[in-house]
Amino acid sequence: APGEVQRDETIAELRKQLREAQAQAA
């Protein structure tokens, strides 16, 4: 469903942001 697609895209973006934040913290 479109909501599931949006949710998955949001999760992917948040995971990317988390990886970047972890790299900066390291």
PDB file of all heavy atoms in Angstrom:
ATOM      1  N   ALA A   1       0.853  -1.188   0.000  1.00  0.00           N
ATOM      2  CA  ALA A   1       0.000   0.000   0.000  1.00  0.00           C
ATOM      3  C   ALA A   1       0.892   1.243   0.000  1.00  0.00           C
ATOM      4  O   ALA A   1       2.036   1.185   0.440  1.00  0.00           O
ATOM      5  CB  ALA A   1      -0.886  -0.006   1.232  1.00  0.00           C
ATOM      6  N   PRO A   2       0.383   2.372  -0.493  1.00  0.00           N
ATOM      7  CA  PRO A   2       1.185   3.601  -0.502  1.00  0.00           C
ATOM      8  C   PRO A   2       1.710   3.986   0.887  1.00  0.00           C
ATOM      9  O   PRO A   2       2.829   4.472   1.019  1.00  0.00           O
ATOM     10  CB  PRO A   2       0.216   4.658  -1.024  1.00  0.00           C
ATOM     11  CG  PRO A   2      -0.785   3.897  -1.830  1.00  0.00           C
ATOM     12  CD  PRO A   2      -0.905   2.562  -1.160  1.00  0.00           C
ATOM     13  N   GLY A   3       0.921   3.748   1.896  1.00  0.00           N
ATOM     14  CA  GLY A   3       1.366   4.035   3.266  1.00  0.00           C
ATOM     15  C   GLY A   3       2.559   3.186   3.664  1.00  0.00           C
ATOM     16  O   GLY A   3       3.468   3.651   4.349  1.00  0.00           O
ATOM     17  N   GLU A   4       2.547   1.925   3.232  1.00  0.00           N
ATOM     18  CA  GLU A   4       3.669   1.035   3.539  1.00  0.00           C
ATOM     19  C   GLU A   4       4.925   1.481   2.797  1.00  0.00           C
ATOM     20  O   GLU A   4       6.029   1.437   3.351  1.00  0.00           O
ATOM     21  CB  GLU A   4       3.322  -0.403   3.158  1.00  0.00           C
ATOM     22  CG  GLU A   4       2.241  -1.022   4.022  1.00  0.00           C
ATOM     23  CD  GLU A   4       1.818  -2.390   3.521  1.00  0.00           C
ATOM     24  OE1 GLU A   4       1.663  -2.574   2.303  1.00  0.00           O
ATOM     25  OE2 GLU A   4       1.660  -3.276   4.389  1.00  0.00           O
ATOM     26  N   VAL A   5       4.759   1.914   1.552  1.00  0.00           N
ATOM     27  CA  VAL A   5       5.893   2.401   0.773  1.00  0.00           C
ATOM     28  C   VAL A   5       6.497   3.624   1.458  1.00  0.00           C
ATOM     29  O   VAL A   5       7.714   3.725   1.636  1.00  0.00           O
ATOM     30  CB  VAL A   5       5.464   2.736  -0.678  1.00  0.00           C
ATOM     31  CG1 VAL A   5       6.581   3.433  -1.424  1.00  0.00           C
ATOM     32  CG2 VAL A   5       5.012   1.483  -1.410  1.00  0.00           C
ATOM     33  N   GLN A   6       5.642   4.571   1.852  1.00  0.00           N
ATOM     34  CA  GLN A   6       6.116   5.777   2.541  1.00  0.00           C
ATOM     35  C   GLN A   6       6.812   5.421   3.841  1.00  0.00           C
ATOM     36  O   GLN A   6       7.856   5.972   4.162  1.00  0.00           O
ATOM     37  CB  GLN A   6       4.936   6.731   2.804  1.00  0.00           C
ATOM     38  CG  GLN A   6       5.335   8.005   3.527  1.00  0.00           C
ATOM     39  CD  GLN A   6       6.307   8.853   2.732  1.00  0.00           C
ATOM     40  OE1 GLN A   6       6.182   8.974   1.521  1.00  0.00           O
ATOM     41  NE2 GLN A   6       7.288   9.423   3.409  1.00  0.00           N
ATOM     42  N   ARG A   7       6.223   4.507   4.583  1.00  0.00           N
ATOM     43  CA  ARG A   7       6.826   4.066   5.852  1.00  0.00           C
ATOM     44  C   ARG A   7       8.214   3.489   5.618  1.00  0.00           C
ATOM     45  O   ARG A   7       9.171   3.834   6.304  1.00  0.00           O
ATOM     46  CB  ARG A   7       5.929   3.016   6.509  1.00  0.00           C
ATOM     47  CG  ARG A   7       6.498   2.448   7.812  1.00  0.00           C
ATOM     48  CD  ARG A   7       5.950   1.082   8.142  1.00  0.00           C
ATOM     49  NE  ARG A   7       6.325   0.149   7.086  1.00  0.00           N
ATOM     50  CZ  ARG A   7       5.644  -0.961   6.816  1.00  0.00           C
ATOM     51  NH1 ARG A   7       4.563  -1.260   7.478  1.00  0.00           N
ATOM     52  NH2 ARG A   7       6.041  -1.769   5.860  1.00  0.00           N
ATOM     53  N   ASP A   8       8.344   2.621   4.607  1.00  0.00           N
ATOM     54  CA  ASP A   8       9.631   1.994   4.312  1.00  0.00           C
ATOM     55  C   ASP A   8      10.659   3.029   3.854  1.00  0.00           C
ATOM     56  O   ASP A   8      11.839   2.940   4.204  1.00  0.00           O
ATOM     57  CB  ASP A   8       9.459   0.896   3.269  1.00  0.00           C
ATOM     58  CG  ASP A   8       8.656  -0.288   3.800  1.00  0.00           C
ATOM     59  OD1 ASP A   8       8.476  -0.390   5.030  1.00  0.00           O
ATOM     60  OD2 ASP A   8       8.209  -1.107   2.966  1.00  0.00           O
ATOM     61  N   GLU A   9      10.212   4.019   3.088  1.00  0.00           N
ATOM     62  CA  GLU A   9      11.124   5.079   2.653  1.00  0.00           C
ATOM     63  C   GLU A   9      11.578   5.918   3.840  1.00  0.00           C
ATOM     64  O   GLU A   9      12.748   6.300   3.938  1.00  0.00           O
ATOM     65  CB  GLU A   9      10.459   5.954   1.594  1.00  0.00           C
ATOM     66  CG  GLU A   9      10.288   5.262   0.260  1.00  0.00           C
ATOM     67  CD  GLU A   9       9.461   6.066  -0.738  1.00  0.00           C
ATOM     68  OE1 GLU A   9       8.930   7.137  -0.355  1.00  0.00           O
ATOM     69  OE2 GLU A   9       9.350   5.619  -1.892  1.00  0.00           O
ATOM     70  N   THR A  10      10.653   6.192   4.750  1.00  0.00           N
ATOM     71  CA  THR A  10      10.989   6.955   5.957  1.00  0.00           C
ATOM     72  C   THR A  10      11.988   6.183   6.807  1.00  0.00           C
ATOM     73  O   THR A  10      12.973   6.748   7.302  1.00  0.00           O
ATOM     74  CB  THR A  10       9.725   7.273   6.774  1.00  0.00           C
ATOM     75  OG1 THR A  10       8.831   8.034   5.955  1.00  0.00           O
ATOM     76  CG2 THR A  10      10.049   8.046   8.040  1.00  0.00           C
ATOM     77  N   ILE A  11      11.754   4.896   6.970  1.00  0.00           N
ATOM     78  CA  ILE A  11      12.665   4.056   7.752  1.00  0.00           C
ATOM     79  C   ILE A  11      14.047   4.045   7.106  1.00  0.00           C
ATOM     80  O   ILE A  11      15.069   4.176   7.795  1.00  0.00           O
ATOM     81  CB  ILE A  11      12.106   2.629   7.905  1.00  0.00           C
ATOM     82  CG1 ILE A  11      10.893   2.642   8.842  1.00  0.00           C
ATOM     83  CG2 ILE A  11      13.178   1.672   8.426  1.00  0.00           C
ATOM     84  CD1 ILE A  11      10.131   1.336   8.906  1.00  0.00           C
ATOM     85  N   ALA A  12      14.096   3.905   5.791  1.00  0.00           N
ATOM     86  CA  ALA A  12      15.386   3.896   5.087  1.00  0.00           C
ATOM     87  C   ALA A  12      16.122   5.221   5.279  1.00  0.00           C
ATOM     88  O   ALA A  12      17.331   5.240   5.529  1.00  0.00           O
ATOM     89  CB  ALA A  12      15.177   3.606   3.599  1.00  0.00           C
ATOM     90  N   GLU A  13      15.403   6.333   5.201  1.00  0.00           N
ATOM     91  CA  GLU A  13      16.018   7.654   5.390  1.00  0.00           C
ATOM     92  C   GLU A  13      16.518   7.820   6.821  1.00  0.00           C
ATOM     93  O   GLU A  13      17.617   8.328   7.053  1.00  0.00           O
ATOM     94  CB  GLU A  13      15.023   8.770   5.043  1.00  0.00           C
ATOM     95  CG  GLU A  13      15.560  10.159   5.246  1.00  0.00           C
ATOM     96  CD  GLU A  13      16.780  10.501   4.410  1.00  0.00           C
ATOM     97  OE1 GLU A  13      16.950   9.938   3.301  1.00  0.00           O
ATOM     98  OE2 GLU A  13      17.577  11.345   4.860  1.00  0.00           O
ATOM     99  N   LEU A  14      15.724   7.385   7.787  1.00  0.00           N
ATOM    100  CA  LEU A  14      16.135   7.487   9.186  1.00  0.00           C
ATOM    101  C   LEU A  14      17.357   6.611   9.462  1.00  0.00           C
ATOM    102  O   LEU A  14      18.257   7.008  10.217  1.00  0.00           O
ATOM    103  CB  LEU A  14      14.981   7.111  10.114  1.00  0.00           C
ATOM    104  CG  LEU A  14      13.835   8.123  10.156  1.00  0.00           C
ATOM    105  CD1 LEU A  14      12.655   7.557  10.942  1.00  0.00           C
ATOM    106  CD2 LEU A  14      14.290   9.444  10.741  1.00  0.00           C
ATOM    107  N   ARG A  15      17.419   5.439   8.866  1.00  0.00           N
ATOM    108  CA  ARG A  15      18.596   4.577   9.026  1.00  0.00           C
ATOM    109  C   ARG A  15      19.836   5.229   8.429  1.00  0.00           C
ATOM    110  O   ARG A  15      20.927   5.160   9.001  1.00  0.00           O
ATOM    111  CB  ARG A  15      18.346   3.213   8.392  1.00  0.00           C
ATOM    112  CG  ARG A  15      17.426   2.346   9.220  1.00  0.00           C
ATOM    113  CD  ARG A  15      17.222   0.985   8.616  1.00  0.00           C
ATOM    114  NE  ARG A  15      16.410   0.169   9.510  1.00  0.00           N
ATOM    115  CZ  ARG A  15      15.709  -0.865   9.135  1.00  0.00           C
ATOM    116  NH1 ARG A  15      15.685  -1.243   7.867  1.00  0.00           N
ATOM    117  NH2 ARG A  15      15.004  -1.548  10.007  1.00  0.00           N
ATOM    118  N   LYS A  16      19.663   5.885   7.292  1.00  0.00           N
ATOM    119  CA  LYS A  16      20.781   6.603   6.658  1.00  0.00           C
ATOM    120  C   LYS A  16      21.265   7.722   7.575  1.00  0.00           C
ATOM    121  O   LYS A  16      22.471   7.878   7.790  1.00  0.00           O
ATOM    122  CB  LYS A  16      20.337   7.169   5.311  1.00  0.00           C
ATOM    123  CG  LYS A  16      21.392   7.981   4.612  1.00  0.00           C
ATOM    124  CD  LYS A  16      20.841   8.603   3.344  1.00  0.00           C
ATOM    125  CE  LYS A  16      21.832   9.603   2.785  1.00  0.00           C
ATOM    126  NZ  LYS A  16      21.242  10.498   1.812  1.00  0.00           N
ATOM    127  N   GLN A  17      20.329   8.490   8.129  1.00  0.00           N
ATOM    128  CA  GLN A  17      20.687   9.576   9.036  1.00  0.00           C
ATOM    129  C   GLN A  17      21.393   9.048  10.284  1.00  0.00           C
ATOM    130  O   GLN A  17      22.350   9.650  10.776  1.00  0.00           O
ATOM    131  CB  GLN A  17      19.444  10.373   9.430  1.00  0.00           C
ATOM    132  CG  GLN A  17      18.863  11.201   8.299  1.00  0.00           C
ATOM    133  CD  GLN A  17      17.567  11.888   8.703  1.00  0.00           C
ATOM    134  OE1 GLN A  17      17.174  11.905   9.864  1.00  0.00           O
ATOM    135  NE2 GLN A  17      16.890  12.470   7.723  1.00  0.00           N
ATOM    136  N   LEU A  18      20.922   7.907  10.780  1.00  0.00           N
ATOM    137  CA  LEU A  18      21.539   7.297  11.953  1.00  0.00           C
ATOM    138  C   LEU A  18      22.974   6.876  11.647  1.00  0.00           C
ATOM    139  O   LEU A  18      23.879   7.115  12.453  1.00  0.00           O
ATOM    140  CB  LEU A  18      20.712   6.103  12.435  1.00  0.00           C
ATOM    141  CG  LEU A  18      21.265   5.335  13.631  1.00  0.00           C
ATOM    142  CD1 LEU A  18      21.384   6.247  14.850  1.00  0.00           C
ATOM    143  CD2 LEU A  18      20.390   4.127  13.940  1.00  0.00           C
ATOM    144  N   ARG A  19      23.190   6.251  10.490  1.00  0.00           N
ATOM    145  CA  ARG A  19      24.549   5.849  10.095  1.00  0.00           C
ATOM    146  C   ARG A  19      25.462   7.065  10.012  1.00  0.00           C
ATOM    147  O   ARG A  19      26.601   7.036  10.488  1.00  0.00           O
ATOM    148  CB  ARG A  19      24.537   5.111   8.760  1.00  0.00           C
ATOM    149  CG  ARG A  19      24.087   3.666   8.837  1.00  0.00           C
ATOM    150  CD  ARG A  19      24.344   2.926   7.533  1.00  0.00           C
ATOM    151  NE  ARG A  19      23.721   3.561   6.375  1.00  0.00           N
ATOM    152  CZ  ARG A  19      22.477   3.359   5.969  1.00  0.00           C
ATOM    153  NH1 ARG A  19      21.709   2.518   6.628  1.00  0.00           N
ATOM    154  NH2 ARG A  19      22.001   3.981   4.911  1.00  0.00           N
ATOM    155  N   GLU A  20      24.968   8.155   9.426  1.00  0.00           N
ATOM    156  CA  GLU A  20      25.764   9.376   9.305  1.00  0.00           C
ATOM    157  C   GLU A  20      26.076   9.963  10.682  1.00  0.00           C
ATOM    158  O   GLU A  20      27.205  10.386  10.942  1.00  0.00           O
ATOM    159  CB  GLU A  20      25.039  10.399   8.436  1.00  0.00           C
ATOM    160  CG  GLU A  20      24.958  10.005   6.977  1.00  0.00           C
ATOM    161  CD  GLU A  20      24.038  10.906   6.156  1.00  0.00           C
ATOM    162  OE1 GLU A  20      23.378  11.803   6.730  1.00  0.00           O
ATOM    163  OE2 GLU A  20      23.993  10.706   4.925  1.00  0.00           O
ATOM    164  N   ALA A  21      25.093   9.983  11.561  1.00  0.00           N
ATOM    165  CA  ALA A  21      25.295  10.515  12.910  1.00  0.00           C
ATOM    166  C   ALA A  21      26.296   9.654  13.677  1.00  0.00           C
ATOM    167  O   ALA A  21      27.150  10.184  14.408  1.00  0.00           O
ATOM    168  CB  ALA A  21      23.965  10.593  13.658  1.00  0.00           C
ATOM    169  N   GLN A  22      26.209   8.348  13.516  1.00  0.00           N
ATOM    170  CA  GLN A  22      27.146   7.456  14.196  1.00  0.00           C
ATOM    171  C   GLN A  22      28.565   7.664  13.664  1.00  0.00           C
ATOM    172  O   GLN A  22      29.529   7.633  14.433  1.00  0.00           O
ATOM    173  CB  GLN A  22      26.719   6.000  14.027  1.00  0.00           C
ATOM    174  CG  GLN A  22      25.494   5.647  14.852  1.00  0.00           C
ATOM    175  CD  GLN A  22      24.941   4.273  14.542  1.00  0.00           C
ATOM    176  OE1 GLN A  22      25.042   3.771  13.423  1.00  0.00           O
ATOM    177  NE2 GLN A  22      24.316   3.646  15.532  1.00  0.00           N
ATOM    178  N   ALA A  23      28.698   7.883  12.354  1.00  0.00           N
ATOM    179  CA  ALA A  23      30.017   8.130  11.765  1.00  0.00           C
ATOM    180  C   ALA A  23      30.592   9.437  12.304  1.00  0.00           C
ATOM    181  O   ALA A  23      31.777   9.516  12.644  1.00  0.00           O
ATOM    182  CB  ALA A  23      29.920   8.166  10.240  1.00  0.00           C
ATOM    183  N   GLN A  24      29.760  10.473  12.398  1.00  0.00           N
ATOM    184  CA  GLN A  24      30.216  11.755  12.948  1.00  0.00           C
ATOM    185  C   GLN A  24      30.616  11.603  14.418  1.00  0.00           C
ATOM    186  O   GLN A  24      31.620  12.168  14.854  1.00  0.00           O
ATOM    187  CB  GLN A  24      29.136  12.816  12.805  1.00  0.00           C
ATOM    188  CG  GLN A  24      28.922  13.277  11.385  1.00  0.00           C
ATOM    189  CD  GLN A  24      27.770  14.269  11.273  1.00  0.00           C
ATOM    190  OE1 GLN A  24      27.054  14.541  12.229  1.00  0.00           O
ATOM    191  NE2 GLN A  24      27.584  14.815  10.077  1.00  0.00           N
ATOM    192  N   ALA A  25      29.830  10.862  15.170  1.00  0.00           N
ATOM    193  CA  ALA A  25      30.140  10.659  16.587  1.00  0.00           C
ATOM    194  C   ALA A  25      31.455   9.901  16.737  1.00  0.00           C
ATOM    195  O   ALA A  25      32.270  10.231  17.612  1.00  0.00           O
ATOM    196  CB  ALA A  25      29.005   9.897  17.277  1.00  0.00           C
ATOM    197  N   ALA A  26      31.682   8.904  15.896  1.00  0.00           N
ATOM    198  CA  ALA A  26      32.927   8.139  15.957  1.00  0.00           C
ATOM    199  C   ALA A  26      34.119   9.034  15.617  1.00  0.00           C
ATOM    200  O   ALA A  26      35.175   8.940  16.251  1.00  0.00           O
ATOM    201  CB  ALA A  26      32.866   6.949  15.004  1.00  0.00           C
TER     202      ALA A  26
END
